[in-house]
Amino acid sequence: MAQVLQPLNTLFPIENYPELLVGLGRPDDSAVYKIDDERALISTVDFFPPVVDAPYDFGAIAAANALSDVYAMGGEPLFAINLAAFPDGLDLDILTEILRGGGEKVREAGAVIAGGHTITDKEPKYGLAVTGVVHPDGIITKGGAKPGDKLILTKKLGTGVVTTALQLGEKNDTHLQAAIESMSHLNKTASQIAQEIGVHAMTDITGYSLIGHTHEMMHLSQTAAHINLSTLQWLPGTQEYGEKELNSGGMGRNLAFYGKWVQFGAGISIQQQNLLYDSETSGGLLMAVAEDKSQNLYDQLLAAGETASIIGEVGSGHGEIFISR
């Protein structure tokens, strides 16, 4: 991707755009543009094809996923633009339900749908372009983790495995409902608590998997991650489906790209390793926080009803990830 984006870096050298606080020069979850000393705009976009069958749930999940990038930067969403692709001949009631699911999730976030754009395509797709706001001094990036920090992860892992397994015929309503509830849950409260406590770095776990997004944080921070496998929480059915190797298509791509950065300890099976490379949809927030603040952050997340685990710590390095049992 760096090679693809090189012409843009040449066209827009970062030194010519001092108000662009976060952009292509140092990629993160969202772009951030300074308006004045008190305000900076956050801009992000995300859309994808259905991960579940129910149109309303798909819309809510896609919206929560797009909004998450604003929360990962420590911001508050202001408004969103619908982005939709829809096949000719498909019942328009389906699109109506997708948009309703997305709209209600945006309203839950305290933002507003301001418009949108739809194209004709062979497969439905939906997402949002989201604009948010953050104080210039309150931006939380991926690149601030420090050796000694604790790593805290919200939400359970396994959305990619569970939805893939269900698409392949593993019918289990309990597993499906748990995944839908997780994917449609906003990262709003978790982000607000992280801001109040004062974390050093934060990102959301989505298509590049836990390993991929952890590597990005460690690489930009010039640190390494030490993760304990036993601390990770999984959605119902995830480990069962993982043993059957019902992984999403993203797993292989993530393994090929990020595998060289990862060292697994003894006793971790290939199936367990693959789960950590599997893509997530609308996953939780990964936070790096000073050790003396970590217990308070963890306790406040749980008190607010969030799922959270202290999954490891940050050490010296250059993007490596060490995983033990």
Protein backbone atom coordinates (compact mmCIF):
# COMPACT_ATOMS: atom_id res chain seq x y z
CA MET A 1 0.00 0.00 0.00
CA ALA A 2 2.90 2.36 0.72
CA GLN A 3 3.98 2.04 -2.92
CA VAL A 4 0.45 2.79 -4.14
CA LEU A 5 0.23 5.91 -1.97
CA GLN A 6 3.68 7.25 -2.87
CA PRO A 7 2.38 9.60 -5.64
CA LEU A 8 0.03 11.21 -3.11
CA ASN A 9 2.87 11.76 -0.66
CA THR A 10 4.76 13.49 -3.46
CA LEU A 11 1.77 15.67 -4.38
CA PHE A 12 1.04 16.63 -0.78
CA PRO A 13 4.30 16.89 1.20
CA ILE A 14 3.36 17.08 4.87
CA GLU A 15 5.52 20.14 5.55
CA ASN A 16 3.22 22.15 3.26
CA TYR A 17 0.12 21.29 5.31
CA PRO A 18 0.85 22.05 8.98
CA GLU A 19 -2.86 22.02 9.86
CA LEU A 20 -3.10 18.35 8.80
CA LEU A 21 -2.20 16.90 12.18
CA VAL A 22 -2.74 13.26 11.16
CA GLY A 23 -2.67 12.15 7.54
CA LEU A 24 -0.78 10.12 4.96
CA GLY A 25 2.58 11.11 6.42
CA ARG A 26 1.82 9.06 9.54
CA PRO A 27 -1.30 6.97 8.84
CA ASP A 28 -3.73 6.34 11.67
CA ASP A 29 -7.38 5.35 12.16
CA SER A 30 -8.62 8.75 10.92
CA ALA A 31 -7.32 11.96 9.42
CA VAL A 32 -7.24 15.00 11.73
CA TYR A 33 -7.21 18.62 10.52
CA LYS A 34 -6.69 21.56 12.88
CA ILE A 35 -9.32 24.31 12.67
CA ASP A 36 -8.09 26.47 15.55
CA ASP A 37 -6.43 26.10 18.95
CA GLU A 38 -9.57 24.52 20.43
CA ARG A 39 -10.89 22.35 17.60
CA ALA A 40 -9.69 19.81 15.08
CA LEU A 41 -11.86 17.89 12.63
CA ILE A 42 -11.65 14.11 12.40
CA SER A 43 -12.50 12.49 9.06
CA THR A 44 -12.83 8.78 8.31
CA VAL A 45 -14.65 6.42 5.95
CA ASP A 46 -15.46 2.71 6.01
CA PHE A 47 -17.89 0.43 4.17
CA PHE A 48 -18.14 -3.26 3.29
CA PRO A 49 -20.52 -6.01 2.07
CA PRO A 50 -22.90 -7.76 4.50
CA VAL A 51 -21.43 -9.80 7.34
CA VAL A 52 -24.86 -10.96 8.57
CA ASP A 53 -28.13 -11.71 6.76
CA ALA A 54 -30.49 -9.29 8.55
CA PRO A 55 -30.40 -5.90 6.74
CA TYR A 56 -31.07 -3.85 9.88
CA ASP A 57 -28.27 -5.57 11.81
CA PHE A 58 -25.89 -5.14 8.88
CA GLY A 59 -26.60 -1.41 8.81
CA ALA A 60 -26.06 -1.04 12.55
CA ILE A 61 -22.81 -3.02 12.46
CA ALA A 62 -21.42 -1.06 9.50
CA ALA A 63 -22.25 2.23 11.21
CA ALA A 64 -20.69 1.19 14.52
CA ASN A 65 -17.59 0.09 12.64
CA ALA A 66 -17.23 3.43 10.83
CA LEU A 67 -17.89 5.48 13.97
CA SER A 68 -15.24 3.50 15.84
CA ASP A 69 -12.37 5.22 14.04
CA VAL A 70 -13.46 8.56 15.51
CA TYR A 71 -13.61 7.05 18.99
CA ALA A 72 -10.17 5.48 18.51
CA MET A 73 -8.71 8.98 17.97
CA GLY A 74 -10.29 10.29 21.18
CA GLY A 75 -12.95 12.24 19.29
CA GLU A 76 -16.70 12.73 19.17
CA PRO A 77 -18.66 12.12 15.94
CA LEU A 78 -20.65 15.09 14.61
CA PHE A 79 -22.28 13.87 11.40
CA ALA A 80 -22.08 11.09 8.85
CA ILE A 81 -22.72 10.57 5.14
CA ASN A 82 -24.26 7.28 4.01
CA LEU A 83 -22.31 5.31 1.38
CA ALA A 84 -24.29 2.50 -0.23
CA ALA A 85 -24.08 0.13 -3.19
CA PHE A 86 -27.21 -1.78 -4.16
CA PRO A 87 -28.08 -4.20 -6.97
CA ASP A 88 -30.78 -3.50 -9.53
CA GLY A 89 -33.84 -5.66 -8.96
CA LEU A 90 -33.29 -6.23 -5.24
CA ASP A 91 -36.19 -5.21 -3.01
CA LEU A 92 -35.69 -1.60 -1.93
CA ASP A 93 -37.14 -2.48 1.48
CA ILE A 94 -33.80 -4.18 2.14
CA LEU A 95 -31.93 -0.93 1.53
CA THR A 96 -34.42 0.92 3.70
CA GLU A 97 -33.71 -1.45 6.59
CA ILE A 98 -29.94 -1.15 6.11
CA LEU A 99 -30.18 2.64 6.25
CA ARG A 100 -32.50 2.48 9.26
CA GLY A 101 -30.05 0.29 11.15
CA GLY A 102 -27.20 2.64 10.34
CA GLY A 103 -29.24 5.73 11.13
CA GLU A 104 -30.36 4.51 14.53
CA LYS A 105 -26.76 3.64 15.44
CA VAL A 106 -25.58 7.12 14.40
CA ARG A 107 -28.33 8.65 16.51
CA GLU A 108 -27.24 6.50 19.46
CA ALA A 109 -23.76 7.96 19.00
CA GLY A 110 -25.18 11.48 19.32
CA ALA A 111 -24.43 12.34 15.69
CA VAL A 112 -26.67 12.89 12.66
CA ILE A 113 -26.94 11.51 9.12
CA ALA A 114 -26.48 14.54 6.86
CA GLY A 115 -26.80 12.92 3.42
CA GLY A 116 -25.42 10.13 1.32
CA HIS A 117 -24.60 8.59 -2.04
CA THR A 118 -25.75 5.31 -3.60
CA ILE A 119 -24.42 3.47 -6.65
CA THR A 120 -25.58 0.34 -8.48
CA ASP A 121 -23.43 -2.73 -7.83
CA LYS A 122 -23.78 -6.51 -8.02
CA GLU A 123 -23.49 -6.87 -4.23
CA PRO A 124 -24.91 -4.68 -1.45
CA LYS A 125 -22.38 -2.60 0.43
CA TYR A 126 -22.87 -0.03 3.15
CA GLY A 127 -20.90 2.24 5.40
CA LEU A 128 -20.31 5.83 6.42
CA ALA A 129 -18.03 8.78 5.91
CA VAL A 130 -17.87 10.24 9.42
CA THR A 131 -16.78 13.70 10.55
CA GLY A 132 -15.93 14.24 14.19
CA VAL A 133 -14.26 16.76 16.46
CA VAL A 134 -11.42 16.60 18.97
CA HIS A 135 -9.30 19.11 20.88
CA PRO A 136 -5.90 19.35 19.15
CA ASP A 137 -4.20 18.47 22.44
CA GLY A 138 -6.53 15.52 23.02
CA ILE A 139 -5.80 13.47 19.89
CA ILE A 140 -4.97 9.84 20.70
CA THR A 141 -2.91 8.12 18.02
CA LYS A 142 -1.48 4.65 17.56
CA GLY A 143 2.05 5.90 18.04
CA GLY A 144 2.26 6.80 21.73
CA ALA A 145 2.78 3.46 23.47
CA LYS A 146 5.71 3.37 25.91
CA PRO A 147 7.73 0.49 27.39
CA GLY A 148 6.12 -0.54 30.65
CA ASP A 149 2.59 0.31 29.52
CA LYS A 150 -0.15 -2.24 30.03
CA LEU A 151 -2.28 -3.30 27.04
CA ILE A 152 -6.04 -3.33 27.60
CA LEU A 153 -8.50 -4.70 25.05
CA THR A 154 -12.25 -4.12 25.06
CA LYS A 155 -14.82 -6.44 23.45
CA LYS A 156 -14.39 -10.16 22.84
CA LEU A 157 -12.57 -11.49 19.79
CA GLY A 158 -13.96 -13.78 17.11
CA THR A 159 -16.43 -11.85 14.96
CA GLY A 160 -14.73 -12.91 11.73
CA VAL A 161 -14.62 -16.58 12.63
CA VAL A 162 -18.20 -16.70 13.90
CA THR A 163 -19.74 -14.91 10.91
CA THR A 164 -17.68 -16.99 8.47
CA ALA A 165 -18.72 -20.24 10.17
CA LEU A 166 -22.37 -19.26 10.04
CA GLN A 167 -22.07 -18.40 6.35
CA LEU A 168 -20.58 -21.87 5.82
CA GLY A 169 -23.60 -23.55 7.38
CA GLU A 170 -22.78 -23.75 11.10
CA LYS A 171 -26.20 -22.63 12.30
CA ASN A 172 -26.22 -21.42 15.90
CA ASP A 173 -28.51 -18.55 16.85
CA THR A 174 -26.82 -18.03 20.22
CA HIS A 175 -23.41 -17.58 18.62
CA LEU A 176 -24.83 -15.30 15.92
CA GLN A 177 -26.68 -13.07 18.38
CA ALA A 178 -23.62 -12.67 20.60
CA ALA A 179 -21.54 -11.63 17.57
CA ILE A 180 -24.20 -9.17 16.37
CA GLU A 181 -24.45 -7.57 19.81
CA SER A 182 -20.67 -7.19 19.99
CA MET A 183 -20.29 -5.78 16.48
CA SER A 184 -23.12 -3.28 16.88
CA HIS A 185 -21.91 -2.08 20.30
CA LEU A 186 -20.43 1.41 20.10
CA ASN A 187 -16.91 2.07 21.39
CA LYS A 188 -18.17 5.43 22.68
CA THR A 189 -18.12 4.74 26.42
CA ALA A 190 -14.80 2.88 26.31
CA SER A 191 -13.23 5.81 24.44
CA GLN A 192 -14.58 8.36 26.91
CA ILE A 193 -13.15 6.42 29.84
CA ALA A 194 -9.79 6.08 28.07
CA GLN A 195 -9.72 9.84 27.53
CA GLU A 196 -10.55 10.55 31.18
CA ILE A 197 -7.85 8.21 32.47
CA GLY A 198 -5.28 9.35 29.90
CA VAL A 199 -4.01 6.52 27.70
CA HIS A 200 -0.81 6.79 25.68
CA ALA A 201 -2.10 5.13 22.50
CA MET A 202 -5.31 3.63 21.16
CA THR A 203 -6.62 1.89 18.04
CA ASP A 204 -9.60 -0.26 17.13
CA ILE A 205 -9.36 -3.91 16.15
CA THR A 206 -10.90 -4.54 12.73
CA GLY A 207 -9.88 -6.17 9.46
CA TYR A 208 -6.15 -6.48 10.12
CA SER A 209 -6.81 -8.68 13.19
CA LEU A 210 -5.55 -8.35 16.74
CA ILE A 211 -2.04 -9.10 15.55
CA GLY A 212 -2.12 -6.65 12.65
CA HIS A 213 -3.46 -3.71 14.62
CA THR A 214 -1.16 -4.45 17.56
CA HIS A 215 1.80 -4.47 15.19
CA GLU A 216 0.74 -1.10 13.76
CA MET A 217 0.65 0.40 17.26
CA MET A 218 4.00 -1.10 18.21
CA HIS A 219 5.65 -0.14 14.91
CA LEU A 220 4.54 3.49 15.11
CA SER A 221 5.51 3.62 18.79
CA GLN A 222 8.86 1.84 18.19
CA THR A 223 8.04 -0.69 20.88
CA ALA A 224 7.09 -4.38 21.14
CA ALA A 225 4.03 -6.14 22.56
CA HIS A 226 4.04 -9.07 24.98
CA ILE A 227 0.59 -10.72 25.00
CA ASN A 228 -0.66 -13.57 27.19
CA LEU A 229 -3.02 -15.82 25.22
CA SER A 230 -4.88 -16.90 28.36
CA THR A 231 -6.09 -13.34 29.02
CA LEU A 232 -7.97 -13.01 25.71
CA GLN A 233 -11.76 -13.25 25.74
CA TRP A 234 -13.60 -14.98 22.88
CA LEU A 235 -17.15 -14.80 21.58
CA PRO A 236 -19.17 -18.02 22.03
CA GLY A 237 -18.27 -20.55 19.35
CA THR A 238 -15.02 -18.88 18.27
CA GLN A 239 -12.60 -21.48 19.58
CA GLU A 240 -14.81 -24.35 18.40
CA TYR A 241 -14.93 -22.90 14.88
CA GLY A 242 -11.23 -22.14 15.02
CA GLU A 243 -10.46 -25.80 15.72
CA LYS A 244 -12.46 -26.62 12.58
CA GLU A 245 -10.35 -24.03 10.71
CA LEU A 246 -13.41 -22.03 9.65
CA ASN A 247 -11.41 -18.83 9.39
CA SER A 248 -12.32 -15.76 7.36
CA GLY A 249 -10.59 -14.90 4.10
CA GLY A 250 -8.69 -12.12 5.82
CA MET A 251 -6.82 -14.55 8.06
CA GLY A 252 -4.47 -15.77 5.34
CA ARG A 253 -3.70 -12.25 4.14
CA ASN A 254 -2.97 -11.06 7.66
CA LEU A 255 -0.74 -14.06 8.35
CA ALA A 256 1.22 -13.46 5.15
CA PHE A 257 1.73 -9.76 5.88
CA TYR A 258 2.25 -9.69 9.65
CA GLY A 259 3.57 -13.17 10.43
CA LYS A 260 7.23 -12.14 10.29
CA TRP A 261 6.69 -9.84 13.27
CA VAL A 262 5.21 -12.49 15.57
CA GLN A 263 6.84 -15.05 17.85
CA PHE A 264 4.60 -17.66 19.49
CA GLY A 265 5.60 -19.46 22.66
CA ALA A 266 5.51 -23.21 23.15
CA GLY A 267 2.17 -24.98 23.27
CA ILE A 268 0.17 -22.59 21.07
CA SER A 269 -1.48 -24.58 18.28
CA ILE A 270 -1.71 -23.47 14.66
CA GLN A 271 -5.48 -23.14 15.08
CA GLN A 272 -4.99 -20.81 18.07
CA GLN A 273 -2.44 -18.79 16.14
CA ASN A 274 -4.79 -18.44 13.19
CA LEU A 275 -7.53 -17.01 15.42
CA LEU A 276 -5.21 -14.12 16.30
CA TYR A 277 -4.71 -13.36 12.60
CA ASP A 278 -8.42 -13.53 11.79
CA SER A 279 -10.18 -10.34 10.71
CA GLU A 280 -12.55 -8.65 13.14
CA THR A 281 -15.54 -6.48 12.26
CA SER A 282 -16.34 -3.55 14.56
CA GLY A 283 -14.00 -4.90 17.22
CA GLY A 284 -12.91 -3.36 20.48
CA LEU A 285 -10.34 -0.74 21.39
CA LEU A 286 -6.73 -1.64 22.12
CA MET A 287 -5.26 0.80 24.65
CA ALA A 288 -1.71 1.32 25.89
CA VAL A 289 -1.79 2.90 29.34
CA ALA A 290 0.76 3.59 32.06
CA GLU A 291 0.98 0.72 34.54
CA ASP A 292 -0.04 2.92 37.48
CA LYS A 293 -3.28 3.85 35.67
CA SER A 294 -4.08 0.44 34.21
CA GLN A 295 -6.06 -1.02 37.10
CA ASN A 296 -8.19 2.12 37.38
CA LEU A 297 -8.88 2.05 33.63
CA TYR A 298 -9.77 -1.63 33.76
CA ASP A 299 -12.04 -1.18 36.78
CA GLN A 300 -13.86 1.80 35.24
CA LEU A 301 -14.45 -0.07 31.98
CA LEU A 302 -16.00 -2.99 33.83
CA ALA A 303 -18.08 -0.67 36.03
CA ALA A 304 -19.49 0.95 32.88
CA GLY A 305 -20.58 -2.44 31.55
CA GLU A 306 -17.78 -2.80 28.99
CA THR A 307 -15.96 -6.05 28.31
CA ALA A 308 -12.26 -5.57 29.02
CA SER A 309 -9.07 -7.56 29.62
CA ILE A 310 -5.50 -6.64 30.50
CA ILE A 311 -3.88 -8.71 27.77
CA GLY A 312 -0.20 -7.87 28.14
CA GLU A 313 2.37 -5.14 28.24
CA VAL A 314 4.62 -3.00 26.08
CA GLY A 315 8.37 -3.56 25.92
CA SER A 316 11.31 -2.30 23.91
CA GLY A 317 11.35 -3.15 20.23
CA HIS A 318 10.39 -2.13 16.71
CA GLY A 319 6.96 -3.64 16.09
CA GLU A 320 7.47 -7.21 17.30
CA ILE A 321 4.75 -9.21 19.05
CA PHE A 322 5.57 -12.00 21.51
CA ILE A 323 2.66 -14.26 22.47
CA SER A 324 2.81 -16.71 25.37
CA ARG A 325 0.33 -19.06 27.01
